[in-house]
Amino acid sequence: VQLQASGGGLVQAGGSLRLSCAASERTGSSTAIGWFRQAPGKEREFVAAIRGSVRYADSVRGRFTISRDNAKKTVYLQMNSLKPEDTAVYYCAAATGIIWSTMDEGARYDYWGQGTLVTVSS
């Protein structure tokens, strides 16, 4: 499956953005779609993931919402109350046969999109 991430941009602190991850084919209910991010000079980190259930990193819980539109083959990441520390390249990824407890492990994901840059100014 091919993934296309979009929706990044420049926003002021406190603002909102919605990222989209469009898949080239319909994914089954056992496929998880996750968002990860990588800031300059830092390691990639988990942000959120959705399969039947959702999971969030502590740093974004309550501010970000992940959702899925199966008809459009798209997963969204609504990001509110953005902070400068949210600045990063955001990647979406797909994993099959993943369980909830490992949805935050990037190594479990088989397919990755190209990334979209989010810049939050202070």
C-alpha atoms as a PDB file:
ATOM      1  CA  VAL A   1       0.000   0.000   0.000  1.00  0.00           C
ATOM      2  CA  GLN A   2       1.221   3.518  -0.792  1.00  0.00           C
ATOM      3  CA  LEU A   3       0.590   6.374   1.606  1.00  0.00           C
ATOM      4  CA  GLN A   4       0.460  10.083   0.855  1.00  0.00           C
ATOM      5  CA  ALA A   5       0.670  12.530   3.734  1.00  0.00           C
ATOM      6  CA  SER A   6      -0.441  16.116   3.288  1.00  0.00           C
ATOM      7  CA  GLY A   7      -1.713  19.133   5.169  1.00  0.00           C
ATOM      8  CA  GLY A   8       1.427  20.433   6.787  1.00  0.00           C
ATOM      9  CA  GLY A   9       2.316  24.092   6.890  1.00  0.00           C
ATOM     10  CA  LEU A  10       3.249  27.061   9.021  1.00  0.00           C
ATOM     11  CA  VAL A  11       0.985  27.991  11.908  1.00  0.00           C
ATOM     12  CA  GLN A  12       1.273  30.155  14.989  1.00  0.00           C
ATOM     13  CA  ALA A  13       1.327  28.647  18.451  1.00  0.00           C
ATOM     14  CA  GLY A  14      -2.197  27.897  19.598  1.00  0.00           C
ATOM     15  CA  GLY A  15      -3.385  27.315  16.066  1.00  0.00           C
ATOM     16  CA  SER A  16      -4.650  24.194  14.329  1.00  0.00           C
ATOM     17  CA  LEU A  17      -3.819  22.029  11.359  1.00  0.00           C
ATOM     18  CA  ARG A  18      -5.328  18.885   9.935  1.00  0.00           C
ATOM     19  CA  LEU A  19      -3.061  16.326   8.353  1.00  0.00           C
ATOM     20  CA  SER A  20      -4.326  13.726   5.913  1.00  0.00           C
ATOM     21  CA  CYS A  21      -2.926  10.321   5.065  1.00  0.00           C
ATOM     22  CA  ALA A  22      -4.392   8.925   1.868  1.00  0.00           C
ATOM     23  CA  ALA A  23      -3.900   5.245   1.090  1.00  0.00           C
ATOM     24  CA  SER A  24      -3.655   3.843  -2.419  1.00  0.00           C
ATOM     25  CA  GLU A  25      -6.001   1.000  -1.526  1.00  0.00           C
ATOM     26  CA  ARG A  26      -8.604   0.169   1.033  1.00  0.00           C
ATOM     27  CA  THR A  27      -7.086  -1.162   4.226  1.00  0.00           C
ATOM     28  CA  GLY A  28      -8.755  -3.782   6.363  1.00  0.00           C
ATOM     29  CA  SER A  29      -9.897  -3.421   9.939  1.00  0.00           C
ATOM     30  CA  SER A  30      -6.758  -5.204  11.118  1.00  0.00           C
ATOM     31  CA  THR A  31      -4.520  -2.542   9.567  1.00  0.00           C
ATOM     32  CA  ALA A  32      -3.366   0.220  11.838  1.00  0.00           C
ATOM     33  CA  ILE A  33      -2.473   3.652  10.544  1.00  0.00           C
ATOM     34  CA  GLY A  34      -0.067   5.599  12.664  1.00  0.00           C
ATOM     35  CA  TRP A  35       1.389   9.074  12.710  1.00  0.00           C
ATOM     36  CA  PHE A  36       4.975   9.643  13.710  1.00  0.00           C
ATOM     37  CA  ARG A  37       7.086  12.763  13.693  1.00  0.00           C
ATOM     38  CA  GLN A  38      10.717  13.684  13.575  1.00  0.00           C
ATOM     39  CA  ALA A  39      12.063  17.039  14.649  1.00  0.00           C
ATOM     40  CA  PRO A  40      15.475  18.288  13.484  1.00  0.00           C
ATOM     41  CA  GLY A  41      18.223  16.546  15.390  1.00  0.00           C
ATOM     42  CA  LYS A  42      15.830  14.249  17.203  1.00  0.00           C
ATOM     43  CA  GLU A  43      14.706  10.688  16.828  1.00  0.00           C
ATOM     44  CA  ARG A  44      11.417   9.757  15.278  1.00  0.00           C
ATOM     45  CA  GLU A  45       8.629   9.561  17.815  1.00  0.00           C
ATOM     46  CA  PHE A  46       5.134   8.158  17.928  1.00  0.00           C
ATOM     47  CA  VAL A  47       2.218  10.584  17.808  1.00  0.00           C
ATOM     48  CA  ALA A  48      -1.025   8.645  17.360  1.00  0.00           C
ATOM     49  CA  ALA A  49      -2.433   5.521  15.774  1.00  0.00           C
ATOM     50  CA  ILE A  50      -5.794   4.059  14.915  1.00  0.00           C
ATOM     51  CA  ARG A  51      -7.066   0.614  14.199  1.00  0.00           C
ATOM     52  CA  GLY A  52     -10.310  -0.218  15.867  1.00  0.00           C
ATOM     53  CA  SER A  53      -9.123   1.698  18.880  1.00  0.00           C
ATOM     54  CA  VAL A  54      -6.871   4.714  19.073  1.00  0.00           C
ATOM     55  CA  ARG A  55      -3.702   5.449  20.911  1.00  0.00           C
ATOM     56  CA  TYR A  56      -1.927   8.738  21.571  1.00  0.00           C
ATOM     57  CA  ALA A  57       1.432   9.836  22.815  1.00  0.00           C
ATOM     58  CA  ASP A  58       1.213  11.570  26.176  1.00  0.00           C
ATOM     59  CA  SER A  59       2.585  14.757  24.639  1.00  0.00           C
ATOM     60  CA  VAL A  60      -0.380  15.159  22.281  1.00  0.00           C
ATOM     61  CA  ARG A  61      -3.262  13.545  24.161  1.00  0.00           C
ATOM     62  CA  GLY A  62      -6.111  16.018  24.529  1.00  0.00           C
ATOM     63  CA  ARG A  63      -4.814  18.229  21.712  1.00  0.00           C
ATOM     64  CA  PHE A  64      -4.644  15.875  18.739  1.00  0.00           C
ATOM     65  CA  THR A  65      -7.394  13.651  17.382  1.00  0.00           C
ATOM     66  CA  ILE A  66      -6.902  10.813  14.941  1.00  0.00           C
ATOM     67  CA  SER A  67      -9.801   9.613  12.818  1.00  0.00           C
ATOM     68  CA  ARG A  68     -10.419   7.388   9.856  1.00  0.00           C
ATOM     69  CA  ASP A  69     -12.686   7.630   6.812  1.00  0.00           C
ATOM     70  CA  ASN A  70     -12.676   4.181   5.247  1.00  0.00           C
ATOM     71  CA  ALA A  71     -14.727   5.285   2.239  1.00  0.00           C
ATOM     72  CA  LYS A  72     -12.074   7.864   1.368  1.00  0.00           C
ATOM     73  CA  LYS A  73      -9.202   5.558   2.377  1.00  0.00           C
ATOM     74  CA  THR A  74      -7.895   8.432   4.465  1.00  0.00           C
ATOM     75  CA  VAL A  75      -6.778   8.902   8.034  1.00  0.00           C
ATOM     76  CA  TYR A  76      -6.772  12.371   9.552  1.00  0.00           C
ATOM     77  CA  LEU A  77      -4.805  13.927  12.356  1.00  0.00           C
ATOM     78  CA  GLN A  78      -6.508  17.005  13.727  1.00  0.00           C
ATOM     79  CA  MET A  79      -3.976  19.032  15.650  1.00  0.00           C
ATOM     80  CA  ASN A  80      -5.199  21.774  17.963  1.00  0.00           C
ATOM     81  CA  SER A  81      -3.451  24.021  20.462  1.00  0.00           C
ATOM     82  CA  LEU A  82      -0.213  23.570  18.587  1.00  0.00           C
ATOM     83  CA  LYS A  83       3.042  24.346  20.346  1.00  0.00           C
ATOM     84  CA  PRO A  84       6.478  25.174  18.929  1.00  0.00           C
ATOM     85  CA  GLU A  85       7.665  21.780  20.149  1.00  0.00           C
ATOM     86  CA  ASP A  86       5.219  20.146  17.741  1.00  0.00           C
ATOM     87  CA  THR A  87       7.387  21.356  14.868  1.00  0.00           C
ATOM     88  CA  ALA A  88       8.531  18.317  12.905  1.00  0.00           C
ATOM     89  CA  VAL A  89       8.115  16.320   9.757  1.00  0.00           C
ATOM     90  CA  TYR A  90       5.046  14.164  10.232  1.00  0.00           C
ATOM     91  CA  TYR A  91       4.874  10.736   8.657  1.00  0.00           C
ATOM     92  CA  CYS A  92       1.997   8.328   8.356  1.00  0.00           C
ATOM     93  CA  ALA A  93       2.562   4.615   8.275  1.00  0.00           C
ATOM     94  CA  ALA A  94       0.560   1.403   7.964  1.00  0.00           C
ATOM     95  CA  ALA A  95       0.910  -1.844   9.857  1.00  0.00           C
ATOM     96  CA  THR A  96      -0.951  -5.117   9.501  1.00  0.00           C
ATOM     97  CA  GLY A  97      -1.516  -7.530  12.308  1.00  0.00           C
ATOM     98  CA  ILE A  98      -0.404  -5.076  14.962  1.00  0.00           C
ATOM     99  CA  ILE A  99      -1.785  -5.148  18.472  1.00  0.00           C
ATOM    100  CA  TRP A 100      -2.759  -2.120  20.518  1.00  0.00           C
ATOM    101  CA  SER A 101       0.187  -2.369  22.897  1.00  0.00           C
ATOM    102  CA  THR A 102       2.705  -2.106  20.050  1.00  0.00           C
ATOM    103  CA  MET A 103       1.010   0.590  17.992  1.00  0.00           C
ATOM    104  CA  ASP A 104       3.604   3.102  19.191  1.00  0.00           C
ATOM    105  CA  GLU A 105       6.540   1.102  17.792  1.00  0.00           C
ATOM    106  CA  GLY A 106       7.675   2.427  14.450  1.00  0.00           C
ATOM    107  CA  ALA A 107       9.501  -0.787  13.653  1.00  0.00           C
ATOM    108  CA  ARG A 108       6.151  -2.583  13.531  1.00  0.00           C
ATOM    109  CA  TYR A 109       4.982  -0.523  10.557  1.00  0.00           C
ATOM    110  CA  ASP A 110       5.465  -1.877   7.049  1.00  0.00           C
ATOM    111  CA  TYR A 111       4.597   1.079   4.823  1.00  0.00           C
ATOM    112  CA  TRP A 112       5.527   4.726   5.177  1.00  0.00           C
ATOM    113  CA  GLY A 113       4.438   7.918   3.492  1.00  0.00           C
ATOM    114  CA  GLN A 114       6.820  10.670   2.436  1.00  0.00           C
ATOM    115  CA  GLY A 115       6.192  13.095   5.296  1.00  0.00           C
ATOM    116  CA  THR A 116       4.716  16.567   5.591  1.00  0.00           C
ATOM    117  CA  LEU A 117       6.363  19.450   7.425  1.00  0.00           C
ATOM    118  CA  VAL A 118       4.599  21.176  10.295  1.00  0.00           C
ATOM    119  CA  THR A 119       6.152  24.368  11.614  1.00  0.00           C
ATOM    120  CA  VAL A 120       4.718  26.080  14.667  1.00  0.00           C
ATOM    121  CA  SER A 121       5.972  29.573  15.344  1.00  0.00           C
ATOM    122  CA  SER A 122       6.032  31.121  18.797  1.00  0.00           C
END
